[in-house]
Amino acid sequence: MLDALTDKLARVVKTMRGQARLTEANMQEMLREIRVALLEADVALPVVRDLIARIKEKALGEEVVGSLTPGQALVGLVHRELTAVMGGDLPPAARDLNLATQPPAVLLLAGLQGAGKTTTAAKLAKWLIDERKKKVLTVSADVYRPAAIDQLKTVSAQAGAEFFPSTTNDKPVEIVAQALDHARRHFFDVLIVDTAGRLAIDELMMQEVAALEAAVKPIETLFVVDAMLGQDAVNTAKVFSERLPLTGVILTKLDGDARGGAALSVRHVTGRPIKFVGVAEKIAGLERFDPERMAGRVLGMGDIVALVEEVTKGVDMAAAQKLADKVKSGDAFDLNDFLSQISQMKKMGGLSGLMDKLPSQMTAKAGAVDMDKAERDVRRMEGIICSMTPLERRKPDLIKATRKRRIAAGAGVHVQEVNRLLNQFEQMRDMMKKMKGGGMMKMMKRMGAMKGFPGPR
């Protein structure tokens, strides 16, 4: 994500190597490169001008002049200013979802068709259910597309939220009024309203969504915008903010945006904070927006906090403890355990999802690896193990030629692929055996001796 902008800013920092300090002369070239990098990333021109002016003013100040490493000082300064542009200057409460009202709290989603409003409604419902333990009702006021109503019903069920039915013969304001009455009578905490969109802004759409907003008086009116629109996302956000009392923005499809301009611009243009970002197609693929962490991603610093959150959320701690106890007791590590490890990694977003959150210097070598191929290999391994019988998974030593051919046919792979997986499994099993008893300490001591270190005692 944001690879192009990250690479360009990294090259700017490299040009500072060998410089004793930031001066008026080298500042001009540095700021020109940053300006070009931001404009090529589809950052709005007013935002670029403001950001460059702020960097220039502070870069020539005492905090940078006194630095022994101007390149590092530059990264820190740009990080702080990017954070401020994306809303880091706001208090955390202003970036949070406001539910402080008599239930049900009404959340109105507005935006163009194709921005991902319907999916976002379900993602937001799941987030509220999982993170805030709320009882959520969703309703579609899009009477122009029957598919939109059916889609919201389907994804709401996946999110664990209840759905209020509507038809294309109803009027949007009446639909939402009935849904609000239902939510009150059945003690829902939150009502999420999905509105109609268009392929482009038109007066009829703006009048309709404004009428809905006036009728239900939502506590949050959230503008949902596709981050991949780049500059167009900023222009659209500007129009919506002029016609609606927006309280926040949700950026969708941020995982597919190679430029990142929308994330840097939309808050500046609307004056409203970005509250959430959509980072995956799955229903759980919605994250709270953190300006500081996003600035770190843009500058190639990674997002270790998000990685830790992903691990904490994705790892089955009970299963991990069970495996640890199994290894400690000397019980055989089998293919069920191997499959469990693969499943845990998938829950954390797979290889690419984990790599995306690591700092760029840590992933530079791994960049040469075909991540798509690596992901396919993982899925193939999972398919091979799933083609085995429960007995074969518990006792892999039973798998000989005939069984290998059957497993390969069931998984749709060659026998060589089955052999390769079994070899990888054997290597992991050998490592697990060494961890039994004092084997782990012995292995560490041997590794320490090989590297010239005494190792643990």
Protein backbone atom coordinates (compact mmCIF):
# COMPACT_ATOMS: atom_id res chain seq x y z
CA MET A 1 0.00 0.00 0.00
CA LEU A 2 1.19 3.54 -0.82
CA ASP A 3 4.34 2.00 -2.37
CA ALA A 4 4.95 4.73 -4.96
CA LEU A 5 4.84 7.60 -2.46
CA THR A 6 6.91 5.65 0.06
CA ASP A 7 9.66 4.94 -2.53
CA LYS A 8 9.84 8.56 -3.66
CA LEU A 9 10.12 9.93 -0.13
CA ALA A 10 12.75 7.28 0.69
CA ARG A 11 14.86 8.51 -2.25
CA VAL A 12 14.59 12.08 -0.96
CA VAL A 13 15.95 10.98 2.40
CA LYS A 14 18.85 9.14 0.72
CA THR A 15 19.97 12.36 -0.99
CA MET A 16 20.55 13.83 2.46
CA ARG A 17 23.25 11.29 3.30
CA GLY A 18 26.60 12.91 3.77
CA GLN A 19 25.07 16.35 4.39
CA ALA A 20 26.24 17.97 7.59
CA ARG A 21 23.07 19.99 8.08
CA LEU A 22 19.97 21.30 6.38
CA THR A 23 20.70 24.56 4.63
CA GLU A 24 18.77 26.93 2.36
CA ALA A 25 20.60 25.44 -0.64
CA ASN A 26 19.94 21.73 -0.09
CA MET A 27 16.47 22.49 1.28
CA GLN A 28 15.29 23.81 -2.09
CA GLU A 29 16.12 20.55 -3.89
CA MET A 30 14.74 18.43 -1.09
CA LEU A 31 11.43 20.32 -0.96
CA ARG A 32 11.08 20.19 -4.74
CA GLU A 33 11.41 16.39 -4.65
CA ILE A 34 8.87 16.11 -1.85
CA ARG A 35 6.46 18.39 -3.74
CA VAL A 36 6.74 16.25 -6.90
CA ALA A 37 6.32 13.03 -4.91
CA LEU A 38 3.13 14.32 -3.27
CA LEU A 39 1.62 15.66 -6.50
CA GLU A 40 2.33 12.37 -8.30
CA ALA A 41 0.58 10.59 -5.42
CA ASP A 42 -2.58 12.58 -6.25
CA VAL A 43 -2.39 14.80 -3.18
CA ALA A 44 -4.48 17.95 -3.71
CA LEU A 45 -2.43 21.03 -4.65
CA PRO A 46 -3.63 23.19 -1.71
CA VAL A 47 -2.60 20.39 0.66
CA VAL A 48 0.84 20.13 -0.96
CA ARG A 49 1.41 23.88 -0.71
CA ASP A 50 0.41 23.93 2.95
CA LEU A 51 2.50 20.89 3.82
CA ILE A 52 5.63 22.18 2.04
CA ALA A 53 5.31 25.58 3.72
CA ARG A 54 5.03 23.97 7.14
CA ILE A 55 8.03 21.67 6.52
CA LYS A 56 10.18 24.53 5.23
CA GLU A 57 9.35 26.75 8.18
CA LYS A 58 10.20 24.10 10.74
CA ALA A 59 13.15 22.48 8.92
CA LEU A 60 15.16 25.68 9.18
CA GLY A 61 14.42 25.90 12.90
CA GLU A 62 16.65 24.96 15.78
CA GLU A 63 15.38 21.39 16.11
CA VAL A 64 16.77 20.42 12.69
CA VAL A 65 19.82 22.69 12.45
CA GLY A 66 21.19 21.16 15.61
CA SER A 67 20.74 17.58 14.42
CA LEU A 68 23.74 15.40 13.68
CA THR A 69 21.74 13.45 11.09
CA PRO A 70 19.65 15.78 8.92
CA GLY A 71 18.17 12.86 6.99
CA GLN A 72 16.69 11.40 10.16
CA ALA A 73 15.54 14.83 11.29
CA LEU A 74 13.81 15.28 7.93
CA VAL A 75 11.95 11.96 8.25
CA GLY A 76 10.78 12.86 11.75
CA LEU A 77 9.63 16.29 10.66
CA VAL A 78 7.78 15.06 7.56
CA HIS A 79 6.19 12.33 9.70
CA ARG A 80 4.89 14.91 12.17
CA GLU A 81 3.53 17.20 9.45
CA LEU A 82 1.87 14.33 7.53
CA THR A 83 0.27 13.24 10.79
CA ALA A 84 -1.10 16.75 11.39
CA VAL A 85 -2.46 17.02 7.82
CA MET A 86 -4.37 13.74 8.22
CA GLY A 87 -5.93 14.80 11.52
CA GLY A 88 -3.25 14.13 14.10
CA ASP A 89 -3.78 17.63 15.50
CA LEU A 90 -7.28 16.64 16.59
CA PRO A 91 -7.96 15.15 20.05
CA PRO A 92 -8.60 11.35 19.98
CA ALA A 93 -12.26 11.89 20.95
CA ALA A 94 -12.85 13.92 17.76
CA ARG A 95 -11.59 11.00 15.65
CA ASP A 96 -13.71 8.45 17.48
CA LEU A 97 -17.22 7.35 16.56
CA ASN A 98 -19.72 9.42 18.52
CA LEU A 99 -22.50 7.30 20.06
CA ALA A 100 -23.28 9.64 22.97
CA THR A 101 -27.03 10.00 22.42
CA GLN A 102 -30.31 8.40 23.45
CA PRO A 103 -30.36 5.00 21.68
CA PRO A 104 -30.58 4.24 18.91
CA ALA A 105 -27.61 6.26 17.62
CA VAL A 106 -28.24 6.85 13.91
CA LEU A 107 -25.24 6.58 11.56
CA LEU A 108 -25.93 7.83 8.01
CA LEU A 109 -23.58 6.72 5.21
CA ALA A 110 -23.39 8.93 2.11
CA GLY A 111 -21.28 8.74 -1.04
CA LEU A 112 -21.18 7.86 -4.71
CA GLN A 113 -22.29 4.53 -6.17
CA GLY A 114 -19.39 2.08 -6.19
CA ALA A 115 -17.60 3.66 -3.22
CA GLY A 116 -18.45 0.64 -1.08
CA LYS A 117 -21.19 2.10 1.16
CA THR A 118 -23.20 -1.12 1.47
CA THR A 119 -20.20 -3.27 2.36
CA THR A 120 -18.95 -0.53 4.69
CA ALA A 121 -22.33 -0.51 6.47
CA ALA A 122 -21.87 -4.21 7.28
CA LYS A 123 -18.21 -3.73 8.24
CA LEU A 124 -19.16 -0.89 10.55
CA ALA A 125 -21.92 -3.03 12.06
CA LYS A 126 -19.45 -5.84 12.75
CA TRP A 127 -16.96 -3.42 14.29
CA LEU A 128 -19.66 -2.02 16.58
CA ILE A 129 -20.78 -5.53 17.56
CA ASP A 130 -17.26 -6.85 18.18
CA GLU A 131 -15.53 -3.77 19.61
CA ARG A 132 -18.36 -1.87 21.32
CA LYS A 133 -20.73 -4.78 22.06
CA LYS A 134 -23.68 -2.94 20.47
CA LYS A 135 -26.98 -4.27 19.15
CA VAL A 136 -27.06 -3.04 15.54
CA LEU A 137 -29.85 -2.65 12.97
CA THR A 138 -29.16 -1.81 9.31
CA VAL A 139 -31.53 -0.40 6.68
CA SER A 140 -31.18 0.43 2.98
CA ALA A 141 -32.71 3.65 1.64
CA ASP A 142 -31.47 2.89 -1.88
CA VAL A 143 -34.80 2.37 -3.68
CA TYR A 144 -33.22 2.60 -7.13
CA ARG A 145 -31.24 -0.64 -7.01
CA PRO A 146 -33.03 -3.76 -5.70
CA ALA A 147 -29.63 -5.48 -5.64
CA ALA A 148 -28.41 -2.93 -3.07
CA ILE A 149 -31.21 -3.91 -0.65
CA ASP A 150 -30.51 -7.62 -1.13
CA GLN A 151 -26.77 -7.06 -0.73
CA LEU A 152 -27.19 -5.19 2.56
CA LYS A 153 -29.44 -7.98 3.86
CA THR A 154 -26.78 -10.59 3.00
CA VAL A 155 -23.74 -8.76 4.39
CA SER A 156 -25.63 -7.67 7.53
CA ALA A 157 -26.30 -11.34 8.29
CA GLN A 158 -22.58 -12.07 7.82
CA ALA A 159 -21.73 -9.26 10.25
CA GLY A 160 -24.19 -10.51 12.85
CA ALA A 161 -26.45 -7.44 12.59
CA GLU A 162 -30.20 -7.38 12.08
CA PHE A 163 -31.67 -6.01 8.84
CA PHE A 164 -34.81 -3.89 8.44
CA PRO A 165 -36.53 -4.81 5.13
CA SER A 166 -37.43 -2.23 2.47
CA THR A 167 -38.62 -2.28 -1.14
CA THR A 168 -38.11 -0.12 -4.23
CA ASN A 169 -41.75 1.05 -3.96
CA ASP A 170 -41.12 2.81 -0.65
CA LYS A 171 -39.92 6.36 -0.15
CA PRO A 172 -36.44 6.72 1.44
CA VAL A 173 -37.57 9.05 4.25
CA GLU A 174 -40.49 6.74 5.15
CA ILE A 175 -38.19 3.66 5.12
CA VAL A 176 -35.77 5.25 7.57
CA ALA A 177 -38.57 6.59 9.79
CA GLN A 178 -40.05 3.08 10.07
CA ALA A 179 -36.61 1.57 10.74
CA LEU A 180 -35.95 4.14 13.45
CA ASP A 181 -39.31 3.36 15.10
CA HIS A 182 -38.50 -0.38 14.93
CA ALA A 183 -35.05 0.24 16.43
CA ARG A 184 -36.55 2.16 19.34
CA ARG A 185 -39.24 -0.43 20.08
CA HIS A 186 -36.75 -3.32 19.96
CA PHE A 187 -34.00 -1.60 21.96
CA PHE A 188 -31.28 -1.38 19.31
CA ASP A 189 -28.20 0.63 20.24
CA VAL A 190 -27.31 1.70 16.69
CA LEU A 191 -29.16 2.16 13.39
CA ILE A 192 -26.95 2.26 10.27
CA VAL A 193 -28.59 3.86 7.22
CA ASP A 194 -27.23 3.01 3.77
CA THR A 195 -28.23 5.71 1.24
CA ALA A 196 -28.50 5.72 -2.56
CA GLY A 197 -25.55 6.84 -4.66
CA ARG A 198 -24.95 7.81 -8.26
CA LEU A 199 -22.04 7.31 -10.66
CA ALA A 200 -21.50 11.06 -10.47
CA ILE A 201 -22.79 13.87 -8.30
CA ASP A 202 -26.24 15.14 -9.30
CA GLU A 203 -28.79 17.44 -7.70
CA LEU A 204 -31.46 14.76 -7.15
CA MET A 205 -29.06 12.57 -5.11
CA MET A 206 -27.86 15.50 -3.02
CA GLN A 207 -31.43 16.66 -2.30
CA GLU A 208 -32.49 13.15 -1.27
CA VAL A 209 -29.61 12.50 1.09
CA ALA A 210 -29.99 16.02 2.56
CA ALA A 211 -33.70 15.33 3.17
CA LEU A 212 -32.83 12.03 4.89
CA GLU A 213 -30.28 13.76 7.08
CA ALA A 214 -32.78 16.46 8.06
CA ALA A 215 -35.50 13.88 8.81
CA VAL A 216 -33.54 11.47 11.03
CA LYS A 217 -30.92 13.88 12.44
CA PRO A 218 -28.12 11.29 12.66
CA ILE A 219 -25.45 11.70 15.29
CA GLU A 220 -22.88 10.72 12.66
CA THR A 221 -23.10 11.56 8.94
CA LEU A 222 -20.18 9.68 7.40
CA PHE A 223 -18.91 10.28 3.88
CA VAL A 224 -17.77 7.00 2.29
CA VAL A 225 -15.24 7.48 -0.50
CA ASP A 226 -13.11 5.16 -2.64
CA ALA A 227 -9.43 5.92 -1.95
CA MET A 228 -8.49 4.70 -5.43
CA LEU A 229 -10.26 7.71 -6.98
CA GLY A 230 -7.31 9.85 -5.94
CA GLN A 231 -7.93 13.51 -6.86
CA ASP A 232 -11.56 12.79 -7.77
CA ALA A 233 -12.12 11.56 -4.22
CA VAL A 234 -11.06 14.96 -2.92
CA ASN A 235 -13.34 16.85 -5.33
CA THR A 236 -16.31 14.63 -4.43
CA ALA A 237 -15.62 15.04 -0.72
CA LYS A 238 -15.61 18.81 -1.13
CA VAL A 239 -19.11 18.81 -2.73
CA PHE A 240 -20.59 16.49 -0.10
CA SER A 241 -19.11 18.54 2.75
CA GLU A 242 -20.72 21.69 1.33
CA ARG A 243 -24.20 20.10 1.16
CA LEU A 244 -24.19 17.88 4.25
CA PRO A 245 -23.12 18.41 7.86
CA LEU A 246 -20.51 15.66 7.66
CA THR A 247 -19.01 14.45 10.92
CA GLY A 248 -16.36 12.14 9.45
CA VAL A 249 -14.99 10.21 6.50
CA ILE A 250 -14.52 6.51 5.78
CA LEU A 251 -11.90 5.68 3.14
CA THR A 252 -12.53 2.38 1.36
CA LYS A 253 -10.24 0.16 -0.73
CA LEU A 254 -7.14 1.67 0.86
CA ASP A 255 -5.32 -1.64 0.40
CA GLY A 256 -5.57 -1.20 -3.39
CA ASP A 257 -4.37 2.41 -3.49
CA ALA A 258 -0.76 2.70 -4.70
CA ARG A 259 -0.73 6.50 -4.42
CA GLY A 260 -2.28 7.47 -1.11
CA GLY A 261 -3.27 10.98 -2.13
CA ALA A 262 -6.84 10.70 -0.87
CA ALA A 263 -5.72 9.80 2.64
CA LEU A 264 -3.49 12.89 2.73
CA SER A 265 -6.05 15.27 1.22
CA VAL A 266 -9.60 14.44 2.17
CA ARG A 267 -9.42 15.58 5.78
CA HIS A 268 -7.76 18.86 4.76
CA VAL A 269 -10.42 19.58 2.13
CA THR A 270 -13.51 18.59 4.16
CA GLY A 271 -12.27 19.73 7.54
CA ARG A 272 -13.65 16.46 8.93
CA PRO A 273 -11.59 13.61 10.43
CA ILE A 274 -11.08 10.26 8.71
CA LYS A 275 -12.61 7.84 11.20
CA PHE A 276 -12.22 4.45 9.49
CA VAL A 277 -10.41 2.86 6.56
CA GLY A 278 -11.43 -0.24 4.63
CA VAL A 279 -8.39 -2.47 4.16
CA ALA A 280 -9.80 -5.77 2.88
CA GLU A 281 -12.87 -7.21 1.21
CA LYS A 282 -13.76 -9.41 4.20
CA ILE A 283 -16.42 -8.16 6.65
CA ALA A 284 -13.78 -7.70 9.36
CA GLY A 285 -11.67 -5.53 7.03
CA LEU A 286 -12.34 -2.17 8.72
CA GLU A 287 -9.79 -0.36 10.86
CA ARG A 288 -9.89 2.76 13.00
CA PHE A 289 -7.90 5.46 11.21
CA ASP A 290 -4.79 6.58 13.07
CA PRO A 291 -3.01 9.57 11.41
CA GLU A 292 0.33 8.84 13.08
CA ARG A 293 0.35 5.20 12.00
CA MET A 294 -0.74 6.12 8.47
CA ALA A 295 2.08 8.67 8.23
CA GLY A 296 4.46 5.90 9.32
CA ARG A 297 3.20 3.65 6.50
CA VAL A 298 3.63 6.44 3.94
CA LEU A 299 7.24 6.95 5.03
CA GLY A 300 8.02 3.22 4.97
CA MET A 301 8.17 2.90 8.75
CA GLY A 302 5.54 0.18 8.69
CA ASP A 303 2.74 -0.22 11.21
CA ILE A 304 3.99 -2.46 13.99
CA VAL A 305 1.05 -1.49 16.22
CA ALA A 306 -1.39 -2.77 13.60
CA LEU A 307 0.69 -5.93 13.23
CA VAL A 308 0.53 -6.61 16.96
CA GLU A 309 -3.24 -5.96 16.93
CA GLU A 310 -3.62 -8.33 13.98
CA VAL A 311 -1.67 -11.06 15.77
CA THR A 312 -3.60 -10.58 19.02
CA LYS A 313 -6.92 -10.68 17.19
CA GLY A 314 -6.06 -13.50 14.79
CA VAL A 315 -4.17 -15.95 16.96
CA ASP A 316 -6.13 -18.54 18.90
CA MET A 317 -4.27 -18.28 22.20
CA ALA A 318 -5.85 -21.49 23.54
CA ALA A 319 -4.65 -23.42 20.47
CA ALA A 320 -1.18 -21.88 20.77
CA GLN A 321 -0.96 -22.89 24.44
CA LYS A 322 -2.17 -26.39 23.60
CA LEU A 323 0.60 -26.76 21.00
CA ALA A 324 3.19 -25.44 23.44
CA ASP A 325 2.08 -27.94 26.10
CA LYS A 326 2.14 -30.72 23.50
CA VAL A 327 5.71 -29.93 22.47
CA LYS A 328 6.82 -29.59 26.08
CA SER A 329 5.39 -32.99 27.01
CA GLY A 330 7.08 -34.65 24.05
CA ASP A 331 3.89 -35.55 22.19
CA ALA A 332 4.36 -35.90 18.45
CA PHE A 333 3.87 -32.79 16.32
CA ASP A 334 1.49 -33.92 13.56
CA LEU A 335 -0.06 -32.55 10.36
CA ASN A 336 -3.10 -31.28 12.26
CA ASP A 337 -0.74 -28.98 14.16
CA PHE A 338 0.95 -28.00 10.89
CA LEU A 339 -2.45 -27.12 9.38
CA SER A 340 -3.32 -25.14 12.48
CA GLN A 341 -0.22 -22.97 12.02
CA ILE A 342 -1.21 -22.25 8.40
CA SER A 343 -4.74 -21.29 9.51
CA GLN A 344 -3.39 -18.95 12.18
CA MET A 345 -1.27 -17.14 9.58
CA LYS A 346 -4.30 -16.76 7.27
CA LYS A 347 -6.30 -15.21 10.12
CA MET A 348 -3.58 -12.58 10.43
CA GLY A 349 -4.01 -11.52 6.81
CA GLY A 350 -1.63 -13.96 5.13
CA LEU A 351 1.96 -13.27 4.13
CA SER A 352 1.25 -10.10 2.17
CA GLY A 353 -0.92 -8.69 4.96
CA LEU A 354 1.86 -9.18 7.51
CA MET A 355 4.60 -7.87 5.19
CA ASP A 356 2.57 -4.73 4.49
CA LYS A 357 2.78 -3.72 8.16
CA LEU A 358 6.55 -4.20 8.51
CA PRO A 359 9.01 -1.32 7.96
CA SER A 360 10.28 -1.05 4.38
CA GLN A 361 13.91 -1.69 5.36
CA MET A 362 12.87 -5.01 6.87
CA THR A 363 10.95 -6.01 3.74
CA ALA A 364 13.45 -4.78 1.14
CA LYS A 365 14.98 -8.24 0.60
CA ALA A 366 11.62 -9.91 0.79
CA GLY A 367 10.42 -7.56 -1.94
CA ALA A 368 12.21 -9.71 -4.47
CA VAL A 369 10.06 -12.66 -3.42
CA ASP A 370 6.88 -13.21 -5.42
CA MET A 371 4.33 -12.75 -2.63
CA ASP A 372 1.49 -13.98 -4.83
CA LYS A 373 3.40 -17.21 -5.48
CA ALA A 374 4.14 -17.58 -1.77
CA GLU A 375 0.44 -17.14 -0.96
CA ARG A 376 -0.48 -19.74 -3.60
CA ASP A 377 2.06 -22.18 -2.12
CA VAL A 378 0.47 -21.75 1.31
CA ARG A 379 -3.01 -22.42 -0.10
CA ARG A 380 -1.68 -25.48 -1.95
CA MET A 381 -0.18 -26.86 1.27
CA GLU A 382 -3.51 -26.36 3.01
CA GLY A 383 -5.30 -28.17 0.17
CA ILE A 384 -2.92 -31.13 0.32
CA ILE A 385 -3.37 -31.58 4.08
CA CYS A 386 -7.15 -31.30 3.75
CA SER A 387 -7.05 -34.14 1.19
CA MET A 388 -5.63 -36.49 3.82
CA THR A 389 -7.66 -38.70 6.13
CA PRO A 390 -7.74 -37.89 9.87
CA LEU A 391 -5.52 -40.95 10.48
CA GLU A 392 -2.93 -39.76 7.93
CA ARG A 393 -2.80 -36.35 9.56
CA ARG A 394 -2.23 -37.90 12.99
CA LYS A 395 0.32 -40.42 11.69
CA PRO A 396 2.14 -38.92 8.67
CA ASP A 397 4.57 -41.87 8.61
CA LEU A 398 1.75 -43.98 7.13
CA ILE A 399 1.80 -41.88 3.94
CA LYS A 400 3.57 -44.01 1.31
CA ALA A 401 3.42 -44.09 -2.50
CA THR A 402 -0.21 -45.23 -2.95
CA ARG A 403 -1.53 -42.77 -0.37
CA LYS A 404 0.57 -39.97 -1.88
CA ARG A 405 -1.00 -40.54 -5.31
CA ARG A 406 -4.49 -40.47 -3.81
CA ILE A 407 -3.76 -37.29 -1.83
CA ALA A 408 -2.22 -35.59 -4.88
CA ALA A 409 -5.26 -36.45 -7.01
CA GLY A 410 -7.62 -35.15 -4.32
CA ALA A 411 -5.73 -31.85 -4.01
CA GLY A 412 -5.24 -31.47 -7.78
CA VAL A 413 -1.42 -31.38 -7.56
CA HIS A 414 1.52 -33.57 -8.59
CA VAL A 415 2.96 -36.16 -6.22
CA GLN A 416 6.15 -34.07 -6.02
CA GLU A 417 4.11 -31.35 -4.27
CA VAL A 418 2.98 -33.87 -1.65
CA ASN A 419 6.61 -34.95 -1.14
CA ARG A 420 7.70 -31.34 -0.78
CA LEU A 421 5.08 -30.66 1.89
CA LEU A 422 6.03 -33.81 3.82
CA ASN A 423 9.70 -32.76 3.71
CA GLN A 424 8.81 -29.31 5.09
CA PHE A 425 6.71 -30.94 7.77
CA GLU A 426 9.61 -33.27 8.72
CA GLN A 427 11.93 -30.28 9.12
CA MET A 428 9.44 -28.56 11.42
CA ARG A 429 8.85 -31.78 13.38
CA ASP A 430 12.62 -32.22 13.88
CA MET A 431 12.80 -28.67 15.21
CA MET A 432 9.91 -29.39 17.60
CA LYS A 433 11.66 -32.51 18.88
CA LYS A 434 14.75 -30.44 19.70
CA MET A 435 12.59 -28.09 21.75
CA LYS A 436 11.44 -30.99 23.98
CA GLY A 437 13.01 -31.03 27.41
CA GLY A 438 16.34 -29.21 27.31
CA GLY A 439 16.69 -29.57 23.57
CA MET A 440 15.86 -25.94 22.95
CA MET A 441 18.68 -24.75 25.19
CA LYS A 442 21.14 -27.12 23.56
CA MET A 443 20.14 -25.90 20.12
CA MET A 444 20.59 -22.26 21.16
CA LYS A 445 24.00 -23.04 22.62
CA ARG A 446 25.06 -24.72 19.37
CA MET A 447 23.82 -21.71 17.39
CA GLY A 448 25.67 -19.38 19.73
CA ALA A 449 28.90 -21.36 19.34
CA MET A 450 28.56 -21.30 15.55
CA LYS A 451 28.27 -17.49 15.60
CA GLY A 452 31.12 -17.06 18.04
CA PHE A 453 28.90 -16.29 21.04
CA PRO A 454 28.75 -18.30 24.24
CA GLY A 455 24.98 -18.77 24.02
CA PRO A 456 22.70 -19.11 27.05
CA ARG A 457 24.04 -20.75 30.16
